[in-house]
Amino acid sequence: MGDKAATLVANNSLFVEDYAAAAASALNYNYMQMKEIENFIHRLEEERYSKLEELVKVPSKIREQAECLRREASQLYKEIKRIEYNIVWKKAETKVLIWFERENDIIDTEYVNELEKSQDEEIEMMWNDIEMKRLEGEVKSKESRELMKSGARKMNKV
């Protein structure tokens, strides 16, 4: 009977070892599947967050570009005002020179005519410059508004 008990114990221990090995293998397989699922979930979360980050970055980039365009338009407006001031100054300067010529009875009509002609040419160039800057400012303002509208549309799509 001792041999039978020993054989039974040996068989049972082999069975238990096989069962334990199978259980450990199954646990290991389940653990590996669980880790793969966890990694997959992390990848999905990272993709989702990266898309959210991109959605946040796009409007801020658009806002920055729109602000830059607005600043440029504002700078152009300041340049226009400076040129207009220069026009007024140039006209006043010419009037003073002509007045001085007449006051001192040194009337050199050729000089006065050349002075007025050069002043007119300079002023015309200044007005052309103003017109170019005004158009450029309008374009930049329009681009700024369009950028802000496109940013709003992108946010509405989300």
N, C-alpha and C. Protein backbone atom coordinates (compact mmCIF):
# COMPACT_ATOMS: atom_id res chain seq x y z
N MET A 1 0.79 -1.16 0.00
CA MET A 1 0.00 0.00 0.00
C MET A 1 0.85 1.25 0.00
N GLY A 2 1.97 1.14 0.58
CA GLY A 2 2.89 2.25 0.62
C GLY A 2 3.36 2.64 -0.75
N ASP A 3 3.54 1.59 -1.61
CA ASP A 3 3.97 1.90 -2.97
C ASP A 3 2.87 2.61 -3.74
N LYS A 4 1.64 2.15 -3.50
CA LYS A 4 0.52 2.78 -4.19
C LYS A 4 0.35 4.22 -3.74
N ALA A 5 0.51 4.45 -2.44
CA ALA A 5 0.38 5.81 -1.91
C ALA A 5 1.49 6.69 -2.46
N ALA A 6 2.70 6.14 -2.52
CA ALA A 6 3.82 6.91 -3.03
C ALA A 6 3.61 7.21 -4.51
N THR A 7 3.11 6.22 -5.26
CA THR A 7 2.85 6.43 -6.68
C THR A 7 1.74 7.47 -6.86
N LEU A 8 0.70 7.36 -6.04
CA LEU A 8 -0.40 8.31 -6.10
C LEU A 8 0.07 9.72 -5.76
N VAL A 9 0.91 9.83 -4.73
CA VAL A 9 1.46 11.14 -4.35
C VAL A 9 2.34 11.67 -5.47
N ALA A 10 3.14 10.79 -6.06
CA ALA A 10 4.03 11.22 -7.14
C ALA A 10 3.20 11.67 -8.34
N ASN A 11 2.18 10.88 -8.68
CA ASN A 11 1.32 11.26 -9.81
C ASN A 11 0.59 12.57 -9.53
N ASN A 12 0.09 12.67 -8.28
CA ASN A 12 -0.61 13.90 -7.91
C ASN A 12 0.33 15.10 -7.94
N SER A 13 1.55 14.90 -7.47
CA SER A 13 2.49 16.02 -7.47
C SER A 13 2.85 16.41 -8.90
N LEU A 14 2.98 15.40 -9.80
CA LEU A 14 3.23 15.72 -11.21
C LEU A 14 2.03 16.46 -11.80
N PHE A 15 0.84 15.99 -11.43
CA PHE A 15 -0.38 16.63 -11.91
C PHE A 15 -0.48 18.06 -11.38
N VAL A 16 -0.15 18.22 -10.09
CA VAL A 16 -0.19 19.55 -9.48
C VAL A 16 0.85 20.45 -10.13
N GLU A 17 2.05 19.89 -10.38
CA GLU A 17 3.09 20.69 -11.04
C GLU A 17 2.65 21.11 -12.44
N ASP A 18 2.06 20.13 -13.18
CA ASP A 18 1.58 20.46 -14.52
C ASP A 18 0.47 21.50 -14.46
N TYR A 19 -0.43 21.32 -13.48
CA TYR A 19 -1.53 22.26 -13.32
C TYR A 19 -1.00 23.64 -12.92
N ALA A 20 -0.03 23.66 -12.02
CA ALA A 20 0.56 24.94 -11.59
C ALA A 20 1.28 25.61 -12.76
N ALA A 21 1.99 24.80 -13.57
CA ALA A 21 2.69 25.36 -14.73
C ALA A 21 1.68 25.91 -15.74
N ALA A 22 0.60 25.16 -15.95
CA ALA A 22 -0.44 25.62 -16.88
C ALA A 22 -1.11 26.89 -16.35
N ALA A 23 -1.37 26.90 -15.04
CA ALA A 23 -2.00 28.08 -14.44
C ALA A 23 -1.06 29.29 -14.54
N ALA A 24 0.23 29.06 -14.28
CA ALA A 24 1.21 30.15 -14.37
C ALA A 24 1.31 30.65 -15.81
N SER A 25 1.29 29.72 -16.75
CA SER A 25 1.36 30.09 -18.16
C SER A 25 0.12 30.90 -18.55
N ALA A 26 -1.04 30.45 -18.08
CA ALA A 26 -2.28 31.18 -18.38
C ALA A 26 -2.25 32.56 -17.74
N LEU A 27 -1.76 32.64 -16.51
CA LEU A 27 -1.65 33.93 -15.84
C LEU A 27 -0.69 34.85 -16.59
N ASN A 28 0.43 34.29 -17.03
CA ASN A 28 1.41 35.06 -17.79
C ASN A 28 0.80 35.56 -19.10
N TYR A 29 0.05 34.68 -19.79
CA TYR A 29 -0.60 35.06 -21.04
C TYR A 29 -1.62 36.17 -20.79
N ASN A 30 -2.42 36.00 -19.74
CA ASN A 30 -3.41 37.02 -19.39
C ASN A 30 -2.72 38.34 -19.03
N TYR A 31 -1.61 38.24 -18.32
CA TYR A 31 -0.85 39.44 -17.95
C TYR A 31 -0.34 40.15 -19.20
N MET A 32 0.18 39.38 -20.15
CA MET A 32 0.70 39.96 -21.39
C MET A 32 -0.44 40.63 -22.18
N GLN A 33 -1.60 39.96 -22.24
CA GLN A 33 -2.73 40.57 -22.94
C GLN A 33 -3.17 41.85 -22.24
N MET A 34 -3.20 41.82 -20.91
CA MET A 34 -3.59 43.00 -20.15
C MET A 34 -2.61 44.14 -20.42
N LYS A 35 -1.32 43.85 -20.47
CA LYS A 35 -0.31 44.88 -20.76
C LYS A 35 -0.50 45.44 -22.17
N GLU A 36 -0.78 44.57 -23.14
CA GLU A 36 -1.02 45.05 -24.51
C GLU A 36 -2.24 45.96 -24.56
N ILE A 37 -3.30 45.57 -23.85
CA ILE A 37 -4.50 46.40 -23.80
C ILE A 37 -4.20 47.73 -23.14
N GLU A 38 -3.45 47.71 -22.05
CA GLU A 38 -3.06 48.96 -21.37
C GLU A 38 -2.27 49.86 -22.31
N ASN A 39 -1.29 49.28 -23.00
CA ASN A 39 -0.49 50.08 -23.95
C ASN A 39 -1.35 50.66 -25.07
N PHE A 40 -2.30 49.85 -25.55
CA PHE A 40 -3.20 50.33 -26.59
C PHE A 40 -4.03 51.50 -26.08
N ILE A 41 -4.54 51.38 -24.87
CA ILE A 41 -5.33 52.47 -24.26
C ILE A 41 -4.47 53.72 -24.11
N HIS A 42 -3.22 53.54 -23.66
CA HIS A 42 -2.32 54.70 -23.51
C HIS A 42 -2.07 55.38 -24.85
N ARG A 43 -1.86 54.57 -25.91
CA ARG A 43 -1.65 55.15 -27.24
C ARG A 43 -2.88 55.95 -27.69
N LEU A 44 -4.06 55.37 -27.46
CA LEU A 44 -5.29 56.08 -27.83
C LEU A 44 -5.43 57.38 -27.06
N GLU A 45 -5.13 57.34 -25.75
CA GLU A 45 -5.22 58.56 -24.95
C GLU A 45 -4.22 59.60 -25.42
N GLU A 46 -2.99 59.16 -25.73
CA GLU A 46 -1.97 60.09 -26.21
C GLU A 46 -2.40 60.73 -27.53
N GLU A 47 -2.97 59.91 -28.43
CA GLU A 47 -3.44 60.46 -29.70
C GLU A 47 -4.55 61.47 -29.47
N ARG A 48 -5.47 61.13 -28.57
CA ARG A 48 -6.58 62.04 -28.29
C ARG A 48 -6.06 63.34 -27.70
N TYR A 49 -5.14 63.23 -26.73
CA TYR A 49 -4.60 64.44 -26.12
C TYR A 49 -3.77 65.24 -27.11
N SER A 50 -3.03 64.56 -27.97
CA SER A 50 -2.24 65.31 -28.95
C SER A 50 -3.17 66.04 -29.93
N LYS A 51 -4.30 65.42 -30.28
CA LYS A 51 -5.26 66.11 -31.14
C LYS A 51 -5.86 67.30 -30.42
N LEU A 52 -6.17 67.13 -29.14
CA LEU A 52 -6.70 68.25 -28.36
C LEU A 52 -5.68 69.37 -28.26
N GLU A 53 -4.41 68.99 -28.01
CA GLU A 53 -3.36 70.01 -27.95
C GLU A 53 -3.26 70.75 -29.27
N GLU A 54 -3.36 70.02 -30.37
CA GLU A 54 -3.28 70.65 -31.68
C GLU A 54 -4.45 71.61 -31.89
N LEU A 55 -5.64 71.19 -31.43
CA LEU A 55 -6.80 72.08 -31.55
C LEU A 55 -6.62 73.35 -30.73
N VAL A 56 -5.92 73.24 -29.62
CA VAL A 56 -5.67 74.42 -28.79
C VAL A 56 -4.59 75.28 -29.44
N LYS A 57 -3.58 74.64 -30.03
CA LYS A 57 -2.48 75.39 -30.63
C LYS A 57 -2.93 76.17 -31.86
N VAL A 58 -3.78 75.56 -32.69
CA VAL A 58 -4.19 76.20 -33.95
C VAL A 58 -4.84 77.56 -33.70
N PRO A 59 -5.86 77.64 -32.83
CA PRO A 59 -6.45 78.98 -32.61
C PRO A 59 -5.45 79.97 -32.02
N SER A 60 -4.55 79.51 -31.16
CA SER A 60 -3.59 80.46 -30.59
C SER A 60 -2.62 80.93 -31.67
N LYS A 61 -2.23 80.04 -32.58
CA LYS A 61 -1.36 80.45 -33.69
C LYS A 61 -2.10 81.44 -34.59
N ILE A 62 -3.36 81.14 -34.85
CA ILE A 62 -4.16 82.04 -35.70
C ILE A 62 -4.29 83.40 -35.03
N ARG A 63 -4.55 83.38 -33.72
CA ARG A 63 -4.68 84.65 -32.98
C ARG A 63 -3.38 85.44 -33.05
N GLU A 64 -2.25 84.73 -32.88
CA GLU A 64 -0.94 85.41 -32.96
C GLU A 64 -0.74 86.04 -34.33
N GLN A 65 -1.07 85.29 -35.38
CA GLN A 65 -0.91 85.83 -36.74
C GLN A 65 -1.82 87.03 -36.95
N ALA A 66 -3.06 86.91 -36.48
CA ALA A 66 -4.01 88.02 -36.64
C ALA A 66 -3.53 89.25 -35.88
N GLU A 67 -3.02 89.04 -34.67
CA GLU A 67 -2.50 90.17 -33.88
C GLU A 67 -1.31 90.82 -34.58
N CYS A 68 -0.45 89.98 -35.15
CA CYS A 68 0.72 90.50 -35.87
C CYS A 68 0.26 91.36 -37.06
N LEU A 69 -0.73 90.87 -37.79
CA LEU A 69 -1.25 91.64 -38.92
C LEU A 69 -1.87 92.95 -38.45
N ARG A 70 -2.58 92.90 -37.32
CA ARG A 70 -3.17 94.13 -36.78
C ARG A 70 -2.10 95.13 -36.40
N ARG A 71 -1.03 94.63 -35.77
CA ARG A 71 0.07 95.53 -35.39
C ARG A 71 0.70 96.15 -36.63
N GLU A 72 0.89 95.35 -37.67
CA GLU A 72 1.46 95.88 -38.91
C GLU A 72 0.54 96.93 -39.52
N ALA A 73 -0.77 96.67 -39.50
CA ALA A 73 -1.72 97.66 -40.03
C ALA A 73 -1.67 98.94 -39.21
N SER A 74 -1.55 98.80 -37.90
CA SER A 74 -1.46 99.97 -37.02
C SER A 74 -0.18 100.76 -37.32
N GLN A 75 0.91 100.04 -37.53
CA GLN A 75 2.18 100.69 -37.86
C GLN A 75 2.07 101.44 -39.19
N LEU A 76 1.40 100.83 -40.16
CA LEU A 76 1.19 101.51 -41.44
C LEU A 76 0.36 102.77 -41.26
N TYR A 77 -0.64 102.71 -40.40
CA TYR A 77 -1.46 103.90 -40.14
C TYR A 77 -0.60 105.01 -39.55
N LYS A 78 0.30 104.65 -38.64
CA LYS A 78 1.20 105.65 -38.04
C LYS A 78 2.12 106.25 -39.11
N GLU A 79 2.60 105.41 -40.01
CA GLU A 79 3.45 105.92 -41.09
C GLU A 79 2.67 106.87 -42.00
N ILE A 80 1.42 106.54 -42.25
CA ILE A 80 0.57 107.43 -43.07
C ILE A 80 0.45 108.79 -42.40
N LYS A 81 0.19 108.79 -41.11
CA LYS A 81 0.06 110.06 -40.37
C LYS A 81 1.36 110.85 -40.41
N ARG A 82 2.49 110.14 -40.31
CA ARG A 82 3.79 110.82 -40.37
C ARG A 82 3.99 111.46 -41.75
N ILE A 83 3.63 110.75 -42.79
CA ILE A 83 3.77 111.28 -44.15
C ILE A 83 2.85 112.48 -44.34
N GLU A 84 1.62 112.38 -43.84
CA GLU A 84 0.70 113.52 -43.95
C GLU A 84 1.27 114.74 -43.23
N TYR A 85 1.89 114.51 -42.07
CA TYR A 85 2.54 115.61 -41.35
C TYR A 85 3.66 116.20 -42.20
N ASN A 86 4.45 115.33 -42.84
CA ASN A 86 5.54 115.80 -43.70
C ASN A 86 5.01 116.63 -44.87
N ILE A 87 3.86 116.25 -45.40
CA ILE A 87 3.26 117.02 -46.50
C ILE A 87 2.92 118.43 -46.03
N VAL A 88 2.27 118.50 -44.88
CA VAL A 88 1.91 119.81 -44.33
C VAL A 88 3.17 120.63 -44.08
N TRP A 89 4.19 120.00 -43.52
CA TRP A 89 5.45 120.67 -43.23
C TRP A 89 6.10 121.18 -44.52
N LYS A 90 6.11 120.33 -45.54
CA LYS A 90 6.73 120.70 -46.82
C LYS A 90 6.01 121.90 -47.44
N LYS A 91 4.67 121.88 -47.40
CA LYS A 91 3.91 123.01 -47.95
C LYS A 91 4.21 124.29 -47.18
N ALA A 92 4.26 124.19 -45.87
CA ALA A 92 4.54 125.37 -45.04
C ALA A 92 5.94 125.89 -45.32
N GLU A 93 6.89 124.98 -45.44
CA GLU A 93 8.27 125.37 -45.70
C GLU A 93 8.38 126.12 -47.03
N THR A 94 7.71 125.59 -48.04
CA THR A 94 7.75 126.25 -49.35
C THR A 94 7.10 127.63 -49.30
N LYS A 95 5.98 127.73 -48.60
CA LYS A 95 5.31 129.03 -48.48
C LYS A 95 6.21 130.04 -47.79
N VAL A 96 6.92 129.60 -46.77
CA VAL A 96 7.83 130.51 -46.06
C VAL A 96 8.95 130.96 -46.99
N LEU A 97 9.52 130.03 -47.74
CA LEU A 97 10.60 130.40 -48.67
C LEU A 97 10.10 131.38 -49.73
N ILE A 98 8.91 131.12 -50.25
CA ILE A 98 8.35 132.03 -51.26
C ILE A 98 8.07 133.40 -50.64
N TRP A 99 7.52 133.40 -49.44
CA TRP A 99 7.25 134.66 -48.75
C TRP A 99 8.54 135.43 -48.55
N PHE A 100 9.62 134.72 -48.13
CA PHE A 100 10.91 135.36 -47.91
C PHE A 100 11.42 135.97 -49.21
N GLU A 101 11.29 135.25 -50.29
CA GLU A 101 11.73 135.77 -51.60
C GLU A 101 10.98 137.06 -51.94
N ARG A 102 9.69 137.04 -51.73
CA ARG A 102 8.87 138.22 -52.07
C ARG A 102 9.14 139.37 -51.11
N GLU A 103 9.34 139.06 -49.85
CA GLU A 103 9.55 140.09 -48.83
C GLU A 103 10.85 140.85 -49.08
N ASN A 104 11.84 140.14 -49.54
CA ASN A 104 13.14 140.78 -49.77
C ASN A 104 13.30 141.29 -51.19
N ASP A 105 12.22 141.29 -51.90
CA ASP A 105 12.23 141.76 -53.29
C ASP A 105 13.31 141.09 -54.12
N ILE A 106 13.52 139.84 -53.83
CA ILE A 106 14.51 139.09 -54.60
C ILE A 106 13.76 138.16 -55.56
N ILE A 107 12.64 138.50 -55.96
CA ILE A 107 11.77 137.58 -56.66
C ILE A 107 12.47 137.01 -57.89
N ASP A 108 12.89 135.79 -57.71
CA ASP A 108 13.47 135.03 -58.81
C ASP A 108 12.38 134.04 -59.22
N THR A 109 11.62 134.42 -60.21
CA THR A 109 10.45 133.61 -60.57
C THR A 109 10.83 132.20 -61.00
N GLU A 110 11.97 132.06 -61.62
CA GLU A 110 12.40 130.73 -62.04
C GLU A 110 12.65 129.85 -60.81
N TYR A 111 13.32 130.43 -59.81
CA TYR A 111 13.60 129.69 -58.57
C TYR A 111 12.29 129.32 -57.87
N VAL A 112 11.36 130.27 -57.78
CA VAL A 112 10.08 130.03 -57.12
C VAL A 112 9.31 128.94 -57.86
N ASN A 113 9.32 129.00 -59.18
CA ASN A 113 8.61 127.98 -59.97
C ASN A 113 9.23 126.60 -59.77
N GLU A 114 10.57 126.54 -59.77
CA GLU A 114 11.24 125.27 -59.54
C GLU A 114 10.95 124.74 -58.14
N LEU A 115 10.94 125.65 -57.18
CA LEU A 115 10.64 125.28 -55.79
C LEU A 115 9.23 124.70 -55.68
N GLU A 116 8.26 125.38 -56.28
CA GLU A 116 6.88 124.90 -56.24
C GLU A 116 6.73 123.58 -56.99
N LYS A 117 7.42 123.46 -58.11
CA LYS A 117 7.34 122.23 -58.90
C LYS A 117 7.94 121.05 -58.12
N SER A 118 9.11 121.27 -57.53
CA SER A 118 9.73 120.18 -56.76
C SER A 118 8.87 119.82 -55.55
N GLN A 119 8.26 120.86 -54.93
CA GLN A 119 7.38 120.58 -53.80
C GLN A 119 6.18 119.76 -54.25
N ASP A 120 5.59 120.12 -55.38
CA ASP A 120 4.44 119.39 -55.90
C ASP A 120 4.80 117.93 -56.20
N GLU A 121 6.00 117.72 -56.78
CA GLU A 121 6.44 116.36 -57.08
C GLU A 121 6.64 115.55 -55.80
N GLU A 122 7.29 116.17 -54.81
CA GLU A 122 7.51 115.48 -53.53
C GLU A 122 6.19 115.14 -52.87
N ILE A 123 5.28 116.09 -52.89
CA ILE A 123 3.99 115.88 -52.25
C ILE A 123 3.20 114.79 -52.98
N GLU A 124 3.28 114.79 -54.30
CA GLU A 124 2.59 113.75 -55.07
C GLU A 124 3.16 112.38 -54.72
N MET A 125 4.49 112.27 -54.61
CA MET A 125 5.11 111.01 -54.21
C MET A 125 4.65 110.59 -52.81
N MET A 126 4.55 111.57 -51.92
CA MET A 126 4.09 111.27 -50.56
C MET A 126 2.65 110.76 -50.57
N TRP A 127 1.79 111.40 -51.38
CA TRP A 127 0.40 110.95 -51.46
C TRP A 127 0.32 109.54 -52.05
N ASN A 128 1.16 109.26 -53.04
CA ASN A 128 1.21 107.90 -53.61
C ASN A 128 1.65 106.90 -52.55
N ASP A 129 2.65 107.29 -51.76
CA ASP A 129 3.12 106.44 -50.67
C ASP A 129 2.01 106.19 -49.66
N ILE A 130 1.27 107.25 -49.35
CA ILE A 130 0.14 107.12 -48.41
C ILE A 130 -0.89 106.13 -48.97
N GLU A 131 -1.20 106.26 -50.23
CA GLU A 131 -2.20 105.39 -50.84
C GLU A 131 -1.74 103.93 -50.81
N MET A 132 -0.46 103.68 -51.11
CA MET A 132 0.07 102.32 -51.06
C MET A 132 -0.01 101.76 -49.64
N LYS A 133 0.38 102.56 -48.67
CA LYS A 133 0.34 102.10 -47.28
C LYS A 133 -1.09 101.89 -46.80
N ARG A 134 -2.00 102.74 -47.25
CA ARG A 134 -3.41 102.59 -46.87
C ARG A 134 -3.95 101.27 -47.42
N LEU A 135 -3.64 100.97 -48.69
CA LEU A 135 -4.09 99.72 -49.29
C LEU A 135 -3.48 98.52 -48.57
N GLU A 136 -2.18 98.61 -48.28
CA GLU A 136 -1.51 97.54 -47.57
C GLU A 136 -2.12 97.33 -46.18
N GLY A 137 -2.43 98.42 -45.50
CA GLY A 137 -3.07 98.33 -44.19
C GLY A 137 -4.45 97.69 -44.27
N GLU A 138 -5.22 98.05 -45.30
CA GLU A 138 -6.54 97.44 -45.49
C GLU A 138 -6.42 95.95 -45.74
N VAL A 139 -5.43 95.55 -46.55
CA VAL A 139 -5.23 94.13 -46.83
C VAL A 139 -4.87 93.39 -45.55
N LYS A 140 -3.97 93.95 -44.76
CA LYS A 140 -3.57 93.30 -43.52
C LYS A 140 -4.73 93.21 -42.53
N SER A 141 -5.54 94.24 -42.45
CA SER A 141 -6.71 94.21 -41.57
C SER A 141 -7.70 93.14 -42.03
N LYS A 142 -7.89 93.05 -43.34
CA LYS A 142 -8.81 92.05 -43.88
C LYS A 142 -8.28 90.65 -43.61
N GLU A 143 -6.97 90.44 -43.82
CA GLU A 143 -6.37 89.13 -43.54
C GLU A 143 -6.53 88.78 -42.07
N SER A 144 -6.35 89.75 -41.21
CA SER A 144 -6.50 89.52 -39.77
C SER A 144 -7.92 89.07 -39.45
N ARG A 145 -8.91 89.77 -40.00
CA ARG A 145 -10.31 89.38 -39.76
C ARG A 145 -10.60 87.99 -40.30
N GLU A 146 -10.08 87.69 -41.51
CA GLU A 146 -10.30 86.37 -42.11
C GLU A 146 -9.66 85.27 -41.27
N LEU A 147 -8.47 85.53 -40.75
CA LEU A 147 -7.81 84.55 -39.89
C LEU A 147 -8.65 84.27 -38.65
N MET A 148 -9.14 85.32 -38.04
CA MET A 148 -9.96 85.14 -36.83
C MET A 148 -11.24 84.37 -37.17
N LYS A 149 -11.85 84.66 -38.32
CA LYS A 149 -13.05 83.93 -38.72
C LYS A 149 -12.74 82.46 -38.97
N SER A 150 -11.61 82.18 -39.64
CA SER A 150 -11.26 80.79 -39.91
C SER A 150 -10.97 80.05 -38.61
N GLY A 151 -10.35 80.73 -37.65
CA GLY A 151 -10.11 80.11 -36.35
C GLY A 151 -11.41 79.80 -35.65
N ALA A 152 -12.38 80.68 -35.75
CA ALA A 152 -13.69 80.44 -35.14
C ALA A 152 -14.39 79.26 -35.81
N ARG A 153 -14.26 79.17 -37.14
CA ARG A 153 -14.88 78.04 -37.85
C ARG A 153 -14.24 76.72 -37.41
N LYS A 154 -12.91 76.72 -37.24
CA LYS A 154 -12.24 75.49 -36.81
C LYS A 154 -12.70 75.08 -35.42
N MET A 155 -12.90 76.05 -34.55
CA MET A 155 -13.36 75.74 -33.20
C MET A 155 -14.80 75.22 -33.24
N ASN A 156 -15.64 75.73 -34.15
CA ASN A 156 -17.02 75.26 -34.25
C ASN A 156 -17.09 73.84 -34.78
N LYS A 157 -16.13 73.43 -35.60
CA LYS A 157 -16.11 72.07 -36.14
C LYS A 157 -15.83 71.05 -35.04
N VAL A 158 -15.09 71.49 -34.02
CA VAL A 158 -14.75 70.58 -32.91
C VAL A 158 -15.99 70.35 -32.12
